[in-house]
Amino acid sequence: MQGNDFFGSEKAFRAILPGKIALTCERIAEREKIPPVVALERFYESPTYRELEIESTKRWWESPAELARDYAVESQGASAASPAGAVKGEK
Protein backbone atom coordinates (compact mmCIF):
# COMPACT_ATOMS: atom_id res chain seq x y z
CA MET A 1 0.00 0.00 0.00
CA GLN A 2 1.36 3.40 -0.91
CA GLY A 3 1.21 6.26 1.56
CA ASN A 4 -1.79 6.59 3.82
CA ASP A 5 -4.49 5.88 1.25
CA PHE A 6 -6.28 3.14 3.22
CA PHE A 7 -9.03 5.47 4.45
CA GLY A 8 -11.18 6.54 1.56
CA SER A 9 -10.36 3.36 -0.32
CA GLU A 10 -12.57 0.48 -1.36
CA LYS A 11 -10.52 -1.69 1.02
CA ALA A 12 -11.43 0.49 4.01
CA PHE A 13 -15.05 0.55 2.92
CA ARG A 14 -15.23 -3.25 2.81
CA ALA A 15 -13.37 -3.59 6.12
CA ILE A 16 -15.56 -1.16 8.05
CA LEU A 17 -18.99 -2.07 6.67
CA PRO A 18 -19.72 -5.35 8.56
CA GLY A 19 -19.00 -3.84 11.99
CA LYS A 20 -20.98 -0.71 11.20
CA ILE A 21 -23.97 -2.81 10.09
CA ALA A 22 -23.80 -4.97 13.23
CA LEU A 23 -23.70 -1.96 15.57
CA THR A 24 -26.51 -0.24 13.65
CA CYS A 25 -28.70 -3.34 13.88
CA GLU A 26 -28.01 -3.67 17.62
CA ARG A 27 -29.41 -0.16 18.06
CA ILE A 28 -32.43 -0.94 15.86
CA ALA A 29 -33.11 -4.17 17.80
CA GLU A 30 -32.94 -2.34 21.14
CA ARG A 31 -35.17 0.49 19.96
CA GLU A 32 -37.79 -1.77 18.37
CA LYS A 33 -37.48 -4.55 20.97
CA ILE A 34 -36.94 -7.19 18.30
CA PRO A 35 -34.33 -9.93 17.87
CA PRO A 36 -31.09 -8.73 16.25
CA VAL A 37 -31.54 -11.07 13.28
CA VAL A 38 -34.93 -9.48 12.55
CA ALA A 39 -33.36 -6.02 12.79
CA LEU A 40 -30.67 -7.14 10.35
CA GLU A 41 -33.23 -8.46 7.87
CA ARG A 42 -35.23 -5.24 8.05
CA PHE A 43 -32.13 -3.06 7.77
CA TYR A 44 -30.96 -4.96 4.67
CA GLU A 45 -34.29 -4.07 3.01
CA SER A 46 -34.05 -0.36 3.83
CA PRO A 47 -33.07 2.63 1.71
CA THR A 48 -30.44 3.46 4.36
CA TYR A 49 -28.70 0.14 3.75
CA ARG A 50 -28.92 0.52 -0.04
CA GLU A 51 -27.17 3.90 0.27
CA LEU A 52 -24.66 2.54 2.79
CA GLU A 53 -23.49 -0.23 0.48
CA ILE A 54 -22.59 2.31 -2.23
CA GLU A 55 -19.10 3.55 -1.33
CA SER A 56 -19.48 6.83 -3.20
CA THR A 57 -22.34 7.99 -0.92
CA LYS A 58 -19.85 8.09 2.00
CA ARG A 59 -22.67 7.01 4.36
CA TRP A 60 -20.15 4.55 5.80
CA TRP A 61 -18.54 7.52 7.55
CA GLU A 62 -21.73 8.00 9.58
CA SER A 63 -22.00 6.52 13.05
CA PRO A 64 -24.25 3.55 13.82
CA ALA A 65 -26.42 5.97 15.83
CA GLU A 66 -26.92 8.19 12.76
CA LEU A 67 -27.67 5.22 10.52
CA ALA A 68 -30.15 3.78 13.05
CA ARG A 69 -31.82 7.19 13.35
CA ASP A 70 -32.18 7.46 9.57
CA TYR A 71 -33.57 3.92 9.43
CA ALA A 72 -36.13 4.83 12.14
CA VAL A 73 -37.21 7.94 10.25
CA GLU A 74 -37.67 5.89 7.07
CA SER A 75 -39.59 3.21 8.96
CA GLN A 76 -41.94 5.82 10.44
CA GLY A 77 -42.52 7.25 6.99
CA ALA A 78 -43.25 3.78 5.60
CA SER A 79 -45.62 3.06 8.49
CA ALA A 80 -47.49 6.31 7.88
CA ALA A 81 -47.88 5.42 4.19
CA SER A 82 -49.12 1.88 4.92
CA PRO A 83 -52.76 1.08 5.61
CA ALA A 84 -53.52 0.81 9.32
CA GLY A 85 -52.72 -2.63 10.66
CA ALA A 86 -50.88 -3.75 7.54
CA VAL A 87 -47.93 -6.03 8.08
CA LYS A 88 -44.81 -5.37 6.03
CA GLY A 89 -44.86 -7.57 2.95
CA GLU A 90 -48.66 -8.02 2.94
CA LYS A 91 -50.88 -6.49 0.31
PDB file of N, CA and C in Angstrom:
ATOM      1  N   MET A   1       0.855  -1.175   0.000  1.00  0.00           N
ATOM      2  CA  MET A   1       0.000   0.000   0.000  1.00  0.00           C
ATOM      3  C   MET A   1       0.896   1.232   0.000  1.00  0.00           C
ATOM      4  N   GLN A   2       0.559   2.186  -0.817  1.00  0.00           N
ATOM      5  CA  GLN A   2       1.358   3.405  -0.914  1.00  0.00           C
ATOM      6  C   GLN A   2       0.776   4.470   0.006  1.00  0.00           C
ATOM      7  N   GLY A   3       1.643   5.131   0.728  1.00  0.00           N
ATOM      8  CA  GLY A   3       1.213   6.257   1.563  1.00  0.00           C
ATOM      9  C   GLY A   3       0.145   5.859   2.557  1.00  0.00           C
ATOM     10  N   ASN A   4      -0.717   6.804   2.860  1.00  0.00           N
ATOM     11  CA  ASN A   4      -1.794   6.587   3.821  1.00  0.00           C
ATOM     12  C   ASN A   4      -3.134   6.637   3.093  1.00  0.00           C
ATOM     13  N   ASP A   5      -3.282   5.826   2.055  1.00  0.00           N
ATOM     14  CA  ASP A   5      -4.494   5.878   1.253  1.00  0.00           C
ATOM     15  C   ASP A   5      -5.518   4.816   1.635  1.00  0.00           C
ATOM     16  N   PHE A   6      -5.329   4.172   2.804  1.00  0.00           N
ATOM     17  CA  PHE A   6      -6.285   3.144   3.224  1.00  0.00           C
ATOM     18  C   PHE A   6      -7.663   3.742   3.427  1.00  0.00           C
ATOM     19  N   PHE A   7      -7.738   4.834   4.220  1.00  0.00           N
ATOM     20  CA  PHE A   7      -9.031   5.465   4.451  1.00  0.00           C
ATOM     21  C   PHE A   7      -9.449   6.191   3.187  1.00  0.00           C
ATOM     22  N   GLY A   8     -10.695   5.981   2.809  1.00  0.00           N
ATOM     23  CA  GLY A   8     -11.180   6.545   1.563  1.00  0.00           C
ATOM     24  C   GLY A   8     -11.049   5.557   0.419  1.00  0.00           C
ATOM     25  N   SER A   9     -10.523   4.370   0.725  1.00  0.00           N
ATOM     26  CA  SER A   9     -10.358   3.363  -0.317  1.00  0.00           C
ATOM     27  C   SER A   9     -11.473   2.331  -0.252  1.00  0.00           C
ATOM     28  N   GLU A  10     -11.600   1.580  -1.316  1.00  0.00           N
ATOM     29  CA  GLU A  10     -12.565   0.477  -1.359  1.00  0.00           C
ATOM     30  C   GLU A  10     -12.238  -0.551  -0.275  1.00  0.00           C
ATOM     31  N   LYS A  11     -10.954  -0.738  -0.005  1.00  0.00           N
ATOM     32  CA  LYS A  11     -10.524  -1.695   1.016  1.00  0.00           C
ATOM     33  C   LYS A  11     -11.034  -1.272   2.397  1.00  0.00           C
ATOM     34  N   ALA A  12     -10.934  -0.011   2.726  1.00  0.00           N
ATOM     35  CA  ALA A  12     -11.433   0.489   4.007  1.00  0.00           C
ATOM     36  C   ALA A  12     -12.937   0.335   4.082  1.00  0.00           C
ATOM     37  N   PHE A  13     -13.599   0.654   3.003  1.00  0.00           N
ATOM     38  CA  PHE A  13     -15.053   0.549   2.925  1.00  0.00           C
ATOM     39  C   PHE A  13     -15.487  -0.882   3.237  1.00  0.00           C
ATOM     40  N   ARG A  14     -14.872  -1.843   2.602  1.00  0.00           N
ATOM     41  CA  ARG A  14     -15.226  -3.253   2.806  1.00  0.00           C
ATOM     42  C   ARG A  14     -14.847  -3.738   4.204  1.00  0.00           C
ATOM     43  N   ALA A  15     -13.795  -3.188   4.787  1.00  0.00           N
ATOM     44  CA  ALA A  15     -13.365  -3.593   6.124  1.00  0.00           C
ATOM     45  C   ALA A  15     -14.280  -3.043   7.213  1.00  0.00           C
ATOM     46  N   ILE A  16     -14.776  -1.858   7.032  1.00  0.00           N
ATOM     47  CA  ILE A  16     -15.565  -1.160   8.049  1.00  0.00           C
ATOM     48  C   ILE A  16     -17.041  -1.552   8.017  1.00  0.00           C
ATOM     49  N   LEU A  17     -17.551  -1.856   6.852  1.00  0.00           N
ATOM     50  CA  LEU A  17     -18.985  -2.068   6.673  1.00  0.00           C
ATOM     51  C   LEU A  17     -19.605  -3.130   7.586  1.00  0.00           C
ATOM     52  N   PRO A  18     -19.053  -4.338   7.725  1.00  0.00           N
ATOM     53  CA  PRO A  18     -19.720  -5.350   8.565  1.00  0.00           C
ATOM     54  C   PRO A  18     -19.897  -4.917  10.024  1.00  0.00           C
ATOM     55  N   GLY A  19     -18.889  -4.310  10.609  1.00  0.00           N
ATOM     56  CA  GLY A  19     -19.004  -3.844  11.986  1.00  0.00           C
ATOM     57  C   GLY A  19     -20.022  -2.731  12.134  1.00  0.00           C
ATOM     58  N   LYS A  20     -20.030  -1.830  11.165  1.00  0.00           N
ATOM     59  CA  LYS A  20     -20.975  -0.712  11.199  1.00  0.00           C
ATOM     60  C   LYS A  20     -22.414  -1.233  11.093  1.00  0.00           C
ATOM     61  N   ILE A  21     -22.633  -2.219  10.241  1.00  0.00           N
ATOM     62  CA  ILE A  21     -23.968  -2.810  10.087  1.00  0.00           C
ATOM     63  C   ILE A  21     -24.387  -3.497  11.386  1.00  0.00           C
ATOM     64  N   ALA A  22     -23.477  -4.262  11.985  1.00  0.00           N
ATOM     65  CA  ALA A  22     -23.796  -4.972  13.228  1.00  0.00           C
ATOM     66  C   ALA A  22     -24.184  -3.995  14.342  1.00  0.00           C
ATOM     67  N   LEU A  23     -23.412  -2.938  14.520  1.00  0.00           N
ATOM     68  CA  LEU A  23     -23.705  -1.956  15.567  1.00  0.00           C
ATOM     69  C   LEU A  23     -25.007  -1.207  15.293  1.00  0.00           C
ATOM     70  N   THR A  24     -25.264  -0.909  14.028  1.00  0.00           N
ATOM     71  CA  THR A  24     -26.512  -0.237  13.650  1.00  0.00           C
ATOM     72  C   THR A  24     -27.700  -1.131  13.975  1.00  0.00           C
ATOM     73  N   CYS A  25     -27.592  -2.410  13.641  1.00  0.00           N
ATOM     74  CA  CYS A  25     -28.701  -3.344  13.882  1.00  0.00           C
ATOM     75  C   CYS A  25     -28.910  -3.604  15.368  1.00  0.00           C
ATOM     76  N   GLU A  26     -27.854  -3.564  16.160  1.00  0.00           N
ATOM     77  CA  GLU A  26     -28.013  -3.669  17.616  1.00  0.00           C
ATOM     78  C   GLU A  26     -28.885  -2.527  18.125  1.00  0.00           C
ATOM     79  N   ARG A  27     -28.618  -1.333  17.638  1.00  0.00           N
ATOM     80  CA  ARG A  27     -29.408  -0.161  18.057  1.00  0.00           C
ATOM     81  C   ARG A  27     -30.863  -0.295  17.607  1.00  0.00           C
ATOM     82  N   ILE A  28     -31.063  -0.760  16.377  1.00  0.00           N
ATOM     83  CA  ILE A  28     -32.427  -0.944  15.857  1.00  0.00           C
ATOM     84  C   ILE A  28     -33.161  -1.984  16.704  1.00  0.00           C
ATOM     85  N   ALA A  29     -32.498  -3.100  16.999  1.00  0.00           N
ATOM     86  CA  ALA A  29     -33.112  -4.167  17.796  1.00  0.00           C
ATOM     87  C   ALA A  29     -33.512  -3.663  19.182  1.00  0.00           C
ATOM     88  N   GLU A  30     -32.636  -2.894  19.811  1.00  0.00           N
ATOM     89  CA  GLU A  30     -32.942  -2.340  21.135  1.00  0.00           C
ATOM     90  C   GLU A  30     -34.128  -1.390  21.070  1.00  0.00           C
ATOM     91  N   ARG A  31     -34.118  -0.515  20.084  1.00  0.00           N
ATOM     92  CA  ARG A  31     -35.175   0.493  19.963  1.00  0.00           C
ATOM     93  C   ARG A  31     -36.527  -0.160  19.667  1.00  0.00           C
ATOM     94  N   GLU A  32     -36.526  -1.145  18.780  1.00  0.00           N
ATOM     95  CA  GLU A  32     -37.786  -1.767  18.368  1.00  0.00           C
ATOM     96  C   GLU A  32     -38.157  -2.991  19.200  1.00  0.00           C
ATOM     97  N   LYS A  33     -37.261  -3.375  20.121  1.00  0.00           N
ATOM     98  CA  LYS A  33     -37.482  -4.546  20.969  1.00  0.00           C
ATOM     99  C   LYS A  33     -37.766  -5.795  20.126  1.00  0.00           C
ATOM    100  N   ILE A  34     -36.854  -6.039  19.180  1.00  0.00           N
ATOM    101  CA  ILE A  34     -36.940  -7.195  18.298  1.00  0.00           C
ATOM    102  C   ILE A  34     -35.605  -7.940  18.331  1.00  0.00           C
ATOM    103  N   PRO A  35     -35.600  -9.201  17.916  1.00  0.00           N
ATOM    104  CA  PRO A  35     -34.329  -9.934  17.866  1.00  0.00           C
ATOM    105  C   PRO A  35     -33.361  -9.283  16.867  1.00  0.00           C
ATOM    106  N   PRO A  36     -32.067  -9.334  17.155  1.00  0.00           N
ATOM    107  CA  PRO A  36     -31.087  -8.728  16.249  1.00  0.00           C
ATOM    108  C   PRO A  36     -31.167  -9.253  14.814  1.00  0.00           C
ATOM    109  N   VAL A  37     -31.463 -10.526  14.647  1.00  0.00           N
ATOM    110  CA  VAL A  37     -31.540 -11.069  13.283  1.00  0.00           C
ATOM    111  C   VAL A  37     -32.707 -10.448  12.508  1.00  0.00           C
ATOM    112  N   VAL A  38     -33.788 -10.150  13.191  1.00  0.00           N
ATOM    113  CA  VAL A  38     -34.931  -9.482  12.546  1.00  0.00           C
ATOM    114  C   VAL A  38     -34.541  -8.047  12.178  1.00  0.00           C
ATOM    115  N   ALA A  39     -33.837  -7.385  13.082  1.00  0.00           N
ATOM    116  CA  ALA A  39     -33.362  -6.022  12.792  1.00  0.00           C
ATOM    117  C   ALA A  39     -32.453  -6.036  11.571  1.00  0.00           C
ATOM    118  N   LEU A  40     -31.580  -7.027  11.490  1.00  0.00           N
ATOM    119  CA  LEU A  40     -30.671  -7.145  10.352  1.00  0.00           C
ATOM    120  C   LEU A  40     -31.442  -7.337   9.053  1.00  0.00           C
ATOM    121  N   GLU A  41     -32.423  -8.228   9.071  1.00  0.00           N
ATOM    122  CA  GLU A  41     -33.233  -8.461   7.869  1.00  0.00           C
ATOM    123  C   GLU A  41     -33.942  -7.184   7.426  1.00  0.00           C
ATOM    124  N   ARG A  42     -34.515  -6.479   8.379  1.00  0.00           N
ATOM    125  CA  ARG A  42     -35.227  -5.235   8.049  1.00  0.00           C
ATOM    126  C   ARG A  42     -34.267  -4.158   7.544  1.00  0.00           C
ATOM    127  N   PHE A  43     -33.110  -4.067   8.189  1.00  0.00           N
ATOM    128  CA  PHE A  43     -32.129  -3.061   7.768  1.00  0.00           C
ATOM    129  C   PHE A  43     -31.660  -3.339   6.344  1.00  0.00           C
ATOM    130  N   TYR A  44     -31.400  -4.616   6.026  1.00  0.00           N
ATOM    131  CA  TYR A  44     -30.956  -4.963   4.674  1.00  0.00           C
ATOM    132  C   TYR A  44     -31.979  -4.570   3.599  1.00  0.00           C
ATOM    133  N   GLU A  45     -33.243  -4.447   3.963  1.00  0.00           N
ATOM    134  CA  GLU A  45     -34.293  -4.075   3.008  1.00  0.00           C
ATOM    135  C   GLU A  45     -34.507  -2.564   2.914  1.00  0.00           C
ATOM    136  N   SER A  46     -33.788  -1.800   3.722  1.00  0.00           N
ATOM    137  CA  SER A  46     -34.051  -0.359   3.835  1.00  0.00           C
ATOM    138  C   SER A  46     -33.266   0.488   2.832  1.00  0.00           C
ATOM    139  N   PRO A  47     -33.807   1.672   2.531  1.00  0.00           N
ATOM    140  CA  PRO A  47     -33.065   2.628   1.712  1.00  0.00           C
ATOM    141  C   PRO A  47     -31.733   3.032   2.350  1.00  0.00           C
ATOM    142  N   THR A  48     -31.694   3.103   3.682  1.00  0.00           N
ATOM    143  CA  THR A  48     -30.439   3.460   4.357  1.00  0.00           C
ATOM    144  C   THR A  48     -29.362   2.446   4.020  1.00  0.00           C
ATOM    145  N   TYR A  49     -29.692   1.164   4.086  1.00  0.00           N
ATOM    146  CA  TYR A  49     -28.697   0.142   3.748  1.00  0.00           C
ATOM    147  C   TYR A  49     -28.301   0.231   2.278  1.00  0.00           C
ATOM    148  N   ARG A  50     -29.256   0.433   1.396  1.00  0.00           N
ATOM    149  CA  ARG A  50     -28.924   0.524  -0.036  1.00  0.00           C
ATOM    150  C   ARG A  50     -27.938   1.663  -0.290  1.00  0.00           C
ATOM    151  N   GLU A  51     -28.112   2.788   0.401  1.00  0.00           N
ATOM    152  CA  GLU A  51     -27.169   3.900   0.267  1.00  0.00           C
ATOM    153  C   GLU A  51     -25.830   3.572   0.923  1.00  0.00           C
ATOM    154  N   LEU A  52     -25.878   2.884   2.062  1.00  0.00           N
ATOM    155  CA  LEU A  52     -24.663   2.538   2.793  1.00  0.00           C
ATOM    156  C   LEU A  52     -23.752   1.629   1.979  1.00  0.00           C
ATOM    157  N   GLU A  53     -24.327   0.711   1.221  1.00  0.00           N
ATOM    158  CA  GLU A  53     -23.494  -0.232   0.482  1.00  0.00           C
ATOM    159  C   GLU A  53     -22.859   0.375  -0.775  1.00  0.00           C
ATOM    160  N   ILE A  54     -23.200   1.605  -1.090  1.00  0.00           N
ATOM    161  CA  ILE A  54     -22.585   2.307  -2.227  1.00  0.00           C
ATOM    162  C   ILE A  54     -21.483   3.205  -1.667  1.00  0.00           C
ATOM    163  N   GLU A  55     -20.247   2.837  -1.910  1.00  0.00           N
ATOM    164  CA  GLU A  55     -19.100   3.545  -1.328  1.00  0.00           C
ATOM    165  C   GLU A  55     -19.139   5.044  -1.617  1.00  0.00           C
ATOM    166  N   SER A  56     -19.540   5.426  -2.804  1.00  0.00           N
ATOM    167  CA  SER A  56     -19.482   6.830  -3.203  1.00  0.00           C
ATOM    168  C   SER A  56     -20.434   7.733  -2.409  1.00  0.00           C
ATOM    169  N   THR A  57     -21.437   7.161  -1.725  1.00  0.00           N
ATOM    170  CA  THR A  57     -22.335   7.991  -0.917  1.00  0.00           C
ATOM    171  C   THR A  57     -21.674   8.471   0.365  1.00  0.00           C
ATOM    172  N   LYS A  58     -20.598   7.779   0.770  1.00  0.00           N
ATOM    173  CA  LYS A  58     -19.853   8.088   2.000  1.00  0.00           C
ATOM    174  C   LYS A  58     -20.708   7.946   3.252  1.00  0.00           C
ATOM    175  N   ARG A  59     -21.843   7.244   3.164  1.00  0.00           N
ATOM    176  CA  ARG A  59     -22.668   7.005   4.355  1.00  0.00           C
ATOM    177  C   ARG A  59     -21.926   6.148   5.362  1.00  0.00           C
ATOM    178  N   TRP A  60     -20.919   5.416   4.898  1.00  0.00           N
ATOM    179  CA  TRP A  60     -20.147   4.552   5.795  1.00  0.00           C
ATOM    180  C   TRP A  60     -19.332   5.358   6.789  1.00  0.00           C
ATOM    181  N   TRP A  61     -19.214   6.654   6.581  1.00  0.00           N
ATOM    182  CA  TRP A  61     -18.542   7.524   7.546  1.00  0.00           C
ATOM    183  C   TRP A  61     -19.466   7.884   8.700  1.00  0.00           C
ATOM    184  N   GLU A  62     -20.777   7.663   8.528  1.00  0.00           N
ATOM    185  CA  GLU A  62     -21.730   8.002   9.578  1.00  0.00           C
ATOM    186  C   GLU A  62     -21.664   6.983  10.711  1.00  0.00           C
ATOM    187  N   SER A  63     -22.016   7.416  11.890  1.00  0.00           N
ATOM    188  CA  SER A  63     -22.002   6.525  13.055  1.00  0.00           C
ATOM    189  C   SER A  63     -23.187   5.566  12.997  1.00  0.00           C
ATOM    190  N   PRO A  64     -23.096   4.445  13.732  1.00  0.00           N
ATOM    191  CA  PRO A  64     -24.249   3.548  13.825  1.00  0.00           C
ATOM    192  C   PRO A  64     -25.485   4.263  14.371  1.00  0.00           C
ATOM    193  N   ALA A  65     -25.284   5.212  15.287  1.00  0.00           N
ATOM    194  CA  ALA A  65     -26.416   5.971  15.828  1.00  0.00           C
ATOM    195  C   ALA A  65     -27.111   6.773  14.728  1.00  0.00           C
ATOM    196  N   GLU A  66     -26.327   7.404  13.864  1.00  0.00           N
ATOM    197  CA  GLU A  66     -26.918   8.187  12.761  1.00  0.00           C
ATOM    198  C   GLU A  66     -27.648   7.280  11.782  1.00  0.00           C
ATOM    199  N   LEU A  67     -27.042   6.154  11.457  1.00  0.00           N
ATOM    200  CA  LEU A  67     -27.668   5.216  10.520  1.00  0.00           C
ATOM    201  C   LEU A  67     -28.960   4.653  11.104  1.00  0.00           C
ATOM    202  N   ALA A  68     -28.946   4.304  12.395  1.00  0.00           N
ATOM    203  CA  ALA A  68     -30.151   3.777  13.046  1.00  0.00           C
ATOM    204  C   ALA A  68     -31.243   4.842  13.094  1.00  0.00           C
ATOM    205  N   ARG A  69     -30.843   6.092  13.333  1.00  0.00           N
ATOM    206  CA  ARG A  69     -31.821   7.188  13.346  1.00  0.00           C
ATOM    207  C   ARG A  69     -32.464   7.342  11.971  1.00  0.00           C
ATOM    208  N   ASP A  70     -31.642   7.331  10.923  1.00  0.00           N
ATOM    209  CA  ASP A  70     -32.175   7.464   9.567  1.00  0.00           C
ATOM    210  C   ASP A  70     -33.104   6.307   9.227  1.00  0.00           C
ATOM    211  N   TYR A  71     -32.721   5.089   9.647  1.00  0.00           N
ATOM    212  CA  TYR A  71     -33.572   3.920   9.433  1.00  0.00           C
ATOM    213  C   TYR A  71     -34.922   4.132  10.139  1.00  0.00           C
ATOM    214  N   ALA A  72     -34.893   4.618  11.384  1.00  0.00           N
ATOM    215  CA  ALA A  72     -36.125   4.830  12.144  1.00  0.00           C
ATOM    216  C   ALA A  72     -37.027   5.848  11.457  1.00  0.00           C
ATOM    217  N   VAL A  73     -36.434   6.917  10.955  1.00  0.00           N
ATOM    218  CA  VAL A  73     -37.211   7.943  10.248  1.00  0.00           C
ATOM    219  C   VAL A  73     -37.868   7.342   9.006  1.00  0.00           C
ATOM    220  N   GLU A  74     -37.110   6.551   8.252  1.00  0.00           N
ATOM    221  CA  GLU A  74     -37.665   5.889   7.065  1.00  0.00           C
ATOM    222  C   GLU A  74     -38.803   4.948   7.452  1.00  0.00           C
ATOM    223  N   SER A  75     -38.584   4.180   8.523  1.00  0.00           N
ATOM    224  CA  SER A  75     -39.594   3.213   8.963  1.00  0.00           C
ATOM    225  C   SER A  75     -40.875   3.916   9.368  1.00  0.00           C
ATOM    226  N   GLN A  76     -40.759   5.058  10.053  1.00  0.00           N
ATOM    227  CA  GLN A  76     -41.942   5.816  10.444  1.00  0.00           C
ATOM    228  C   GLN A  76     -42.675   6.326   9.214  1.00  0.00           C
ATOM    229  N   GLY A  77     -41.912   6.777   8.226  1.00  0.00           N
ATOM    230  CA  GLY A  77     -42.517   7.248   6.987  1.00  0.00           C
ATOM    231  C   GLY A  77     -43.228   6.130   6.255  1.00  0.00           C
ATOM    232  N   ALA A  78     -42.641   4.941   6.251  1.00  0.00           N
ATOM    233  CA  ALA A  78     -43.252   3.782   5.598  1.00  0.00           C
ATOM    234  C   ALA A  78     -44.501   3.355   6.347  1.00  0.00           C
ATOM    235  N   SER A  79     -44.463   3.430   7.686  1.00  0.00           N
ATOM    236  CA  SER A  79     -45.624   3.058   8.493  1.00  0.00           C
ATOM    237  C   SER A  79     -46.777   4.022   8.237  1.00  0.00           C
ATOM    238  N   ALA A  80     -46.447   5.304   8.116  1.00  0.00           N
ATOM    239  CA  ALA A  80     -47.486   6.310   7.884  1.00  0.00           C
ATOM    240  C   ALA A  80     -48.123   6.123   6.509  1.00  0.00           C
ATOM    241  N   ALA A  81     -47.356   5.610   5.543  1.00  0.00           N
ATOM    242  CA  ALA A  81     -47.875   5.422   4.193  1.00  0.00           C
ATOM    243  C   ALA A  81     -48.634   4.111   4.038  1.00  0.00           C
ATOM    244  N   SER A  82     -48.450   3.177   4.983  1.00  0.00           N
ATOM    245  CA  SER A  82     -49.116   1.875   4.919  1.00  0.00           C
ATOM    246  C   SER A  82     -50.505   1.968   5.498  1.00  0.00           C
ATOM    247  N   PRO A  83     -51.427   1.117   5.010  1.00  0.00           N
ATOM    248  CA  PRO A  83     -52.758   1.080   5.608  1.00  0.00           C
ATOM    249  C   PRO A  83     -52.653   0.646   7.070  1.00  0.00           C
ATOM    250  N   ALA A  84     -53.542   1.149   7.896  1.00  0.00           N
ATOM    251  CA  ALA A  84     -53.520   0.813   9.319  1.00  0.00           C
ATOM    252  C   ALA A  84     -53.615  -0.695   9.502  1.00  0.00           C
ATOM    253  N   GLY A  85     -52.704  -1.208  10.338  1.00  0.00           N
ATOM    254  CA  GLY A  85     -52.717  -2.626  10.660  1.00  0.00           C
ATOM    255  C   GLY A  85     -52.023  -3.504   9.644  1.00  0.00           C
ATOM    256  N   ALA A  86     -51.544  -2.943   8.554  1.00  0.00           N
ATOM    257  CA  ALA A  86     -50.882  -3.754   7.539  1.00  0.00           C
ATOM    258  C   ALA A  86     -49.538  -4.246   8.064  1.00  0.00           C
ATOM    259  N   VAL A  87     -49.210  -5.455   7.718  1.00  0.00           N
ATOM    260  CA  VAL A  87     -47.933  -6.033   8.075  1.00  0.00           C
ATOM    261  C   VAL A  87     -47.029  -5.918   6.871  1.00  0.00           C
ATOM    262  N   LYS A  88     -45.766  -5.535   7.120  1.00  0.00           N
ATOM    263  CA  LYS A  88     -44.810  -5.370   6.030  1.00  0.00           C
ATOM    264  C   LYS A  88     -44.790  -6.624   5.176  1.00  0.00           C
ATOM    265  N   GLY A  89     -44.903  -6.447   3.876  1.00  0.00           N
ATOM    266  CA  GLY A  89     -44.862  -7.572   2.951  1.00  0.00           C
ATOM    267  C   GLY A  89     -46.255  -8.043   2.548  1.00  0.00           C
ATOM    268  N   GLU A  90     -47.288  -7.627   3.301  1.00  0.00           N
ATOM    269  CA  GLU A  90     -48.659  -8.019   2.941  1.00  0.00           C
ATOM    270  C   GLU A  90     -49.252  -6.977   2.006  1.00  0.00           C
ATOM    271  N   LYS A  91     -50.176  -7.414   1.227  1.00  0.00           N
ATOM    272  CA  LYS A  91     -50.881  -6.491   0.315  1.00  0.00           C
ATOM    273  C   LYS A  91     -52.316  -6.369   0.710  1.00  0.00           C
TER     274      LYS A  91
END
